[in-house]
Amino acid sequence: MGVGEAILLGLVQGLTEFLPVSSSAHLRIVGELIGSADPGAAFTAITQLGTETAVILYFRRDIVRIVAAWWHALRGAYGTDWRSRAGMPPGEARDHDALMAWYIAIGSLPIVVLGLLFQDAIESTFRNLWIVALMLAGFGLFLGWADKVGAKRRTLEELEGRDALQFGGWQALALIPGVSRSGGTITGGLLMGYTREAAARYSFLLAIPAVFGSGLFQLAKSVDEFGKAGTPSFGATLIATLVAFFVGYLVIIVFLKIVSTFSYKPFVWYRLGLAALVAILLITNVLEPNAATTAVGS
């Protein structure tokens, strides 16, 4: 993988990570079209560290406030019983920031468990382009339906533990390229009655532990593979990650403004168009369903 290809894949990652269009699907498709084959699950996970760092930068004040409130409650500021330490002191108003920390932890459980259980399939079977095309189209229609029927009334202050777990289950669907991490989480949020903005903001916060956990795990597992024949070099991976960070930060700003005003219909049509294009390229043998991977650690 050359510098130009690394920049292009970093650009793709940054542009698509936060939109409900599946960044992993785009890296899978674009990587093969430019002749680098499938960048692989490891390369995808590592470059996502760049976009997730952009999330931390953008939401830094929220994150600091949430962590401070969580520690404040945990050390017994509201009382020593478990409800008080969780941010729900009996007879007093709930500390939403302290609870948010717990809800992010609860929501992260499904993707951690399923990611470990299906690791081999995630890195191989699920990356079949026919599966990717099916998920792009099928889940795109599902997103459009959820956006149409969702009540869009609930805010994040109304978030409960059972909702956090459901959000986590929807996020875990993104282990299949073509679903989209934000798309899955937002779809679940809309079906639970949350506003577009609330579902989007929670999807950003919920992704932090999952993406960093996955990216750092793949980085540690692949550290001895960088530079070997058939694998991207550390330099190429780093370049892609840095590009993804800068582009991703700009996308967050624009996306949160868009979802506050417009529907998800343009993303639905885009997903359907991309799925159709992939199917045509597969039928004409321009793309191979199970192309050889050049992923780090593959």
Protein backbone atom coordinates (compact mmCIF):
# COMPACT_ATOMS: atom_id res chain seq x y z
CA MET A 1 0.00 0.00 0.00
CA GLY A 2 1.50 3.28 -1.14
CA VAL A 3 1.14 6.71 0.42
CA GLY A 4 -1.53 7.77 -2.07
CA GLU A 5 -3.62 4.68 -1.38
CA ALA A 6 -3.23 5.19 2.37
CA ILE A 7 -4.41 8.81 2.08
CA LEU A 8 -7.40 7.74 -0.03
CA LEU A 9 -8.44 5.01 2.41
CA GLY A 10 -7.99 7.39 5.34
CA LEU A 11 -10.21 9.89 3.54
CA VAL A 12 -12.84 7.21 2.96
CA GLN A 13 -12.70 6.17 6.62
CA GLY A 14 -13.03 9.74 7.86
CA LEU A 15 -15.91 10.56 5.51
CA THR A 16 -17.97 7.44 6.23
CA GLU A 17 -17.31 6.46 9.86
CA PHE A 18 -19.99 8.69 11.37
CA LEU A 19 -22.52 8.61 8.53
CA PRO A 20 -25.01 5.70 8.52
CA VAL A 21 -23.41 4.19 5.39
CA SER A 22 -20.79 1.78 6.88
CA SER A 23 -17.15 2.77 6.78
CA SER A 24 -16.00 -0.86 6.88
CA ALA A 25 -18.03 -1.60 3.74
CA HIS A 26 -16.49 1.38 1.95
CA LEU A 27 -12.95 0.39 2.92
CA ARG A 28 -13.66 -3.16 1.76
CA ILE A 29 -14.98 -1.97 -1.61
CA VAL A 30 -12.58 0.92 -2.31
CA GLY A 31 -9.55 -1.06 -1.16
CA GLU A 32 -10.16 -3.68 -3.82
CA LEU A 33 -11.11 -1.20 -6.55
CA ILE A 34 -7.81 0.69 -6.21
CA GLY A 35 -5.82 -2.53 -6.37
CA SER A 36 -4.87 -2.87 -2.72
CA ALA A 37 -7.23 -5.82 -2.23
CA ASP A 38 -9.31 -5.97 0.95
CA PRO A 39 -7.58 -3.77 3.56
CA GLY A 40 -8.97 -6.17 6.15
CA ALA A 41 -10.66 -5.99 9.53
CA ALA A 42 -7.40 -5.16 11.33
CA PHE A 43 -6.55 -2.18 9.09
CA THR A 44 -10.14 -0.96 9.42
CA ALA A 45 -10.09 -1.24 13.22
CA ILE A 46 -6.75 0.58 13.53
CA THR A 47 -7.73 3.47 11.24
CA GLN A 48 -10.93 3.85 13.27
CA LEU A 49 -8.69 4.96 16.14
CA GLY A 50 -8.21 8.16 14.16
CA THR A 51 -11.89 8.90 13.75
CA GLU A 52 -12.63 7.96 17.35
CA THR A 53 -9.92 10.34 18.55
CA ALA A 54 -11.85 13.00 16.65
CA VAL A 55 -14.94 12.03 18.69
CA ILE A 56 -13.01 12.50 21.94
CA LEU A 57 -11.78 15.90 20.80
CA TYR A 58 -15.23 17.07 19.73
CA PHE A 59 -17.03 15.76 22.83
CA ARG A 60 -14.16 16.49 25.23
CA ARG A 61 -16.24 18.71 27.52
CA ASP A 62 -19.05 16.16 27.68
CA ILE A 63 -16.59 13.36 28.38
CA VAL A 64 -14.80 15.26 31.15
CA ARG A 65 -18.14 16.16 32.74
CA ILE A 66 -19.39 12.54 32.53
CA VAL A 67 -16.21 11.05 33.99
CA ALA A 68 -16.09 13.65 36.80
CA ALA A 69 -19.75 13.05 37.70
CA TRP A 70 -19.28 9.27 37.60
CA TRP A 71 -16.28 9.45 39.95
CA HIS A 72 -18.10 11.91 42.20
CA ALA A 73 -21.02 9.50 42.63
CA LEU A 74 -18.88 6.36 42.79
CA ARG A 75 -16.80 7.64 45.70
CA GLY A 76 -19.97 8.13 47.74
CA ALA A 77 -20.82 11.82 47.35
CA TYR A 78 -24.55 10.99 47.23
CA GLY A 79 -24.44 8.09 49.69
CA THR A 80 -22.85 4.68 50.09
CA ASP A 81 -25.68 2.45 48.82
CA TRP A 82 -25.38 1.11 45.27
CA ARG A 83 -28.12 3.34 43.87
CA SER A 84 -26.42 6.48 45.17
CA ARG A 85 -23.05 5.38 43.84
CA ALA A 86 -24.68 4.80 40.46
CA GLY A 87 -26.03 8.34 40.40
CA MET A 88 -29.60 7.56 41.51
CA PRO A 89 -29.77 8.69 45.17
CA PRO A 90 -33.13 7.79 46.78
CA GLY A 91 -35.41 10.81 47.09
CA GLU A 92 -33.14 13.04 45.01
CA ALA A 93 -32.81 13.92 41.33
CA ARG A 94 -30.75 11.54 39.23
CA ASP A 95 -27.27 12.57 38.15
CA HIS A 96 -27.63 12.07 34.38
CA ASP A 97 -23.92 12.48 33.71
CA ALA A 98 -22.92 9.82 36.27
CA LEU A 99 -25.57 7.50 34.85
CA MET A 100 -24.34 8.11 31.31
CA ALA A 101 -20.97 6.61 32.22
CA TRP A 102 -22.70 3.43 33.41
CA TYR A 103 -24.97 3.39 30.37
CA ILE A 104 -21.98 3.59 28.03
CA ALA A 105 -20.41 0.66 29.89
CA ILE A 106 -23.64 -1.36 29.71
CA GLY A 107 -24.13 -0.53 26.04
CA SER A 108 -20.59 -1.69 25.24
CA LEU A 109 -21.16 -5.23 26.52
CA PRO A 110 -22.92 -6.71 23.44
CA ILE A 111 -20.25 -5.71 20.92
CA VAL A 112 -17.44 -6.92 23.20
CA VAL A 113 -19.04 -10.34 23.75
CA LEU A 114 -20.12 -10.84 20.13
CA GLY A 115 -16.86 -9.45 18.79
CA LEU A 116 -14.87 -12.07 20.70
CA LEU A 117 -17.28 -14.89 19.88
CA PHE A 118 -17.36 -14.18 16.15
CA GLN A 119 -13.85 -12.81 15.64
CA ASP A 120 -12.92 -15.28 12.88
CA ALA A 121 -16.15 -14.68 10.95
CA ILE A 122 -15.73 -10.90 11.29
CA GLU A 123 -12.28 -11.09 9.74
CA SER A 124 -13.30 -13.45 6.93
CA THR A 125 -16.85 -14.64 6.20
CA PHE A 126 -18.66 -11.38 7.00
CA ARG A 127 -16.42 -9.50 4.54
CA ASN A 128 -17.93 -11.34 1.56
CA LEU A 129 -19.09 -8.58 -0.79
CA TRP A 130 -22.45 -10.25 -1.44
CA ILE A 131 -23.11 -10.03 2.29
CA VAL A 132 -21.91 -6.43 2.30
CA ALA A 133 -24.26 -5.50 -0.57
CA LEU A 134 -27.18 -7.25 1.13
CA MET A 135 -26.54 -5.40 4.41
CA LEU A 136 -26.17 -2.05 2.64
CA ALA A 137 -29.55 -2.43 0.95
CA GLY A 138 -31.47 -4.27 3.66
CA PHE A 139 -30.36 -2.16 6.57
CA GLY A 140 -30.70 0.99 4.51
CA LEU A 141 -34.40 0.23 4.04
CA PHE A 142 -34.66 -0.58 7.75
CA LEU A 143 -33.09 2.78 8.66
CA GLY A 144 -35.55 4.59 6.40
CA TRP A 145 -38.49 2.77 7.96
CA ALA A 146 -37.28 3.51 11.50
CA ASP A 147 -36.85 7.19 10.65
CA LYS A 148 -40.41 7.27 9.31
CA VAL A 149 -42.19 5.49 12.18
CA GLY A 150 -40.00 6.59 15.13
CA ALA A 151 -41.69 8.92 17.63
CA LYS A 152 -38.56 11.13 17.92
CA ARG A 153 -39.57 12.55 21.30
CA ARG A 154 -37.18 11.11 23.87
CA THR A 155 -33.96 12.86 24.88
CA LEU A 156 -30.80 11.39 26.38
CA GLU A 157 -31.94 12.48 29.84
CA GLU A 158 -34.65 9.82 29.52
CA LEU A 159 -32.14 7.05 28.83
CA GLU A 160 -32.54 3.93 30.99
CA GLY A 161 -30.32 0.90 31.54
CA ARG A 162 -32.50 -1.39 29.40
CA ASP A 163 -32.36 1.17 26.58
CA ALA A 164 -28.56 1.35 26.85
CA LEU A 165 -28.36 -2.43 26.47
CA GLN A 166 -30.66 -2.30 23.44
CA PHE A 167 -28.54 0.46 21.91
CA GLY A 168 -25.54 -1.79 22.45
CA GLY A 169 -27.23 -4.68 20.66
CA TRP A 170 -27.93 -2.47 17.66
CA GLN A 171 -24.33 -1.24 17.66
CA ALA A 172 -23.07 -4.84 17.66
CA LEU A 173 -24.75 -5.43 14.30
CA ALA A 174 -22.00 -3.24 12.82
CA LEU A 175 -19.62 -6.17 13.23
CA ILE A 176 -21.02 -7.11 9.81
CA PRO A 177 -19.65 -4.71 7.16
CA GLY A 178 -22.52 -2.91 5.45
CA VAL A 179 -24.63 -2.37 8.55
CA SER A 180 -22.84 0.74 9.94
CA ARG A 181 -22.08 1.39 13.59
CA SER A 182 -23.85 4.74 13.64
CA GLY A 183 -26.60 3.43 11.37
CA GLY A 184 -27.33 0.50 13.66
CA THR A 185 -27.30 2.57 16.84
CA ILE A 186 -29.38 5.37 15.34
CA THR A 187 -31.92 2.93 13.89
CA GLY A 188 -32.37 1.34 17.31
CA GLY A 189 -32.69 4.74 18.94
CA LEU A 190 -35.36 5.87 16.49
CA LEU A 191 -37.36 2.70 17.08
CA MET A 192 -37.14 3.33 20.84
CA GLY A 193 -38.58 6.81 20.33
CA TYR A 194 -35.42 8.92 20.68
CA THR A 195 -34.83 12.03 18.59
CA ARG A 196 -32.39 11.85 15.69
CA GLU A 197 -29.91 14.10 17.50
CA ALA A 198 -30.14 12.14 20.78
CA ALA A 199 -29.60 8.82 18.99
CA ALA A 200 -26.67 10.26 17.01
CA ARG A 201 -24.94 11.79 20.05
CA TYR A 202 -25.29 8.60 22.06
CA SER A 203 -23.95 6.56 19.12
CA PHE A 204 -20.81 8.71 19.13
CA LEU A 205 -20.25 8.29 22.88
CA LEU A 206 -21.10 4.58 22.85
CA ALA A 207 -18.59 3.90 20.08
CA ILE A 208 -15.60 5.20 22.08
CA PRO A 209 -14.85 2.12 24.23
CA ALA A 210 -15.79 -0.33 21.46
CA VAL A 211 -13.65 1.28 18.77
CA PHE A 212 -10.65 1.95 20.99
CA GLY A 213 -10.84 -1.56 22.42
CA SER A 214 -11.00 -3.13 18.97
CA GLY A 215 -8.35 -0.86 17.46
CA LEU A 216 -5.83 -1.30 20.28
CA PHE A 217 -6.44 -5.06 20.32
CA GLN A 218 -5.77 -5.30 16.58
CA LEU A 219 -2.73 -3.03 16.89
CA ALA A 220 -1.22 -5.19 19.63
CA LYS A 221 -2.01 -8.38 17.72
CA SER A 222 -0.56 -7.05 14.48
CA VAL A 223 2.55 -5.24 15.72
CA ASP A 224 4.86 -7.98 14.39
CA GLU A 225 3.11 -8.12 11.01
CA PHE A 226 3.71 -4.55 9.81
CA GLY A 227 5.92 -4.43 6.74
CA LYS A 228 5.78 -8.14 5.94
CA ALA A 229 4.94 -9.21 2.40
CA GLY A 230 1.27 -8.69 1.63
CA THR A 231 0.56 -6.41 4.61
CA PRO A 232 0.29 -2.61 4.85
CA SER A 233 3.30 -0.99 6.46
CA PHE A 234 3.08 0.80 9.79
CA GLY A 235 3.68 4.08 7.97
CA ALA A 236 0.78 3.55 5.55
CA THR A 237 -1.53 2.59 8.39
CA LEU A 238 -0.46 5.65 10.40
CA ILE A 239 -1.03 7.99 7.44
CA ALA A 240 -4.52 6.58 6.88
CA THR A 241 -5.29 6.95 10.60
CA LEU A 242 -4.17 10.60 10.70
CA VAL A 243 -6.17 11.49 7.59
CA ALA A 244 -9.21 9.76 9.08
CA PHE A 245 -8.84 11.86 12.24
CA PHE A 246 -8.83 15.25 10.49
CA VAL A 247 -11.59 14.42 8.03
CA GLY A 248 -13.68 12.68 10.70
CA TYR A 249 -13.67 15.73 12.96
CA LEU A 250 -15.16 17.88 10.20
CA VAL A 251 -17.77 15.23 9.40
CA ILE A 252 -18.97 15.14 13.03
CA ILE A 253 -19.68 18.88 12.95
CA VAL A 254 -21.61 18.67 9.70
CA PHE A 255 -23.48 15.45 10.52
CA LEU A 256 -24.87 16.66 13.86
CA LYS A 257 -26.21 19.77 12.12
CA ILE A 258 -27.78 17.70 9.35
CA VAL A 259 -29.60 15.24 11.63
CA SER A 260 -31.13 18.08 13.61
CA THR A 261 -32.90 19.31 10.48
CA PHE A 262 -33.20 16.65 7.78
CA SER A 263 -34.36 13.05 7.51
CA TYR A 264 -32.14 10.06 6.73
CA LYS A 265 -33.73 9.51 3.33
CA PRO A 266 -30.63 10.65 1.34
CA PHE A 267 -28.51 8.08 3.19
CA VAL A 268 -31.08 5.38 2.43
CA TRP A 269 -30.95 6.13 -1.30
CA TYR A 270 -27.16 6.26 -1.21
CA ARG A 271 -26.97 2.85 0.46
CA LEU A 272 -29.35 1.34 -2.09
CA GLY A 273 -27.36 2.82 -4.97
CA LEU A 274 -24.05 1.58 -3.58
CA ALA A 275 -25.50 -1.91 -3.00
CA ALA A 276 -26.71 -2.03 -6.61
CA LEU A 277 -23.30 -0.87 -7.87
CA VAL A 278 -21.48 -3.54 -5.84
CA ALA A 279 -23.85 -6.22 -7.16
CA ILE A 280 -23.19 -5.13 -10.76
CA LEU A 281 -19.42 -5.12 -10.21
CA LEU A 282 -19.64 -8.60 -8.69
CA ILE A 283 -21.75 -9.97 -11.54
CA THR A 284 -19.33 -8.52 -14.12
CA ASN A 285 -16.32 -9.91 -12.19
CA VAL A 286 -14.82 -6.49 -11.58
CA LEU A 287 -14.93 -7.33 -7.88
CA GLU A 288 -14.43 -10.72 -6.24
CA PRO A 289 -16.73 -11.69 -3.35
CA ASN A 290 -13.89 -13.10 -1.27
CA ALA A 291 -10.86 -11.22 -2.51
CA ALA A 292 -7.51 -12.01 -0.96
CA THR A 293 -6.82 -9.70 1.96
CA THR A 294 -3.72 -7.63 2.51
CA ALA A 295 -4.76 -6.76 6.01
CA VAL A 296 -2.39 -6.34 8.91
CA GLY A 297 -2.59 -9.46 11.01
CA SER A 298 -4.62 -11.34 8.41
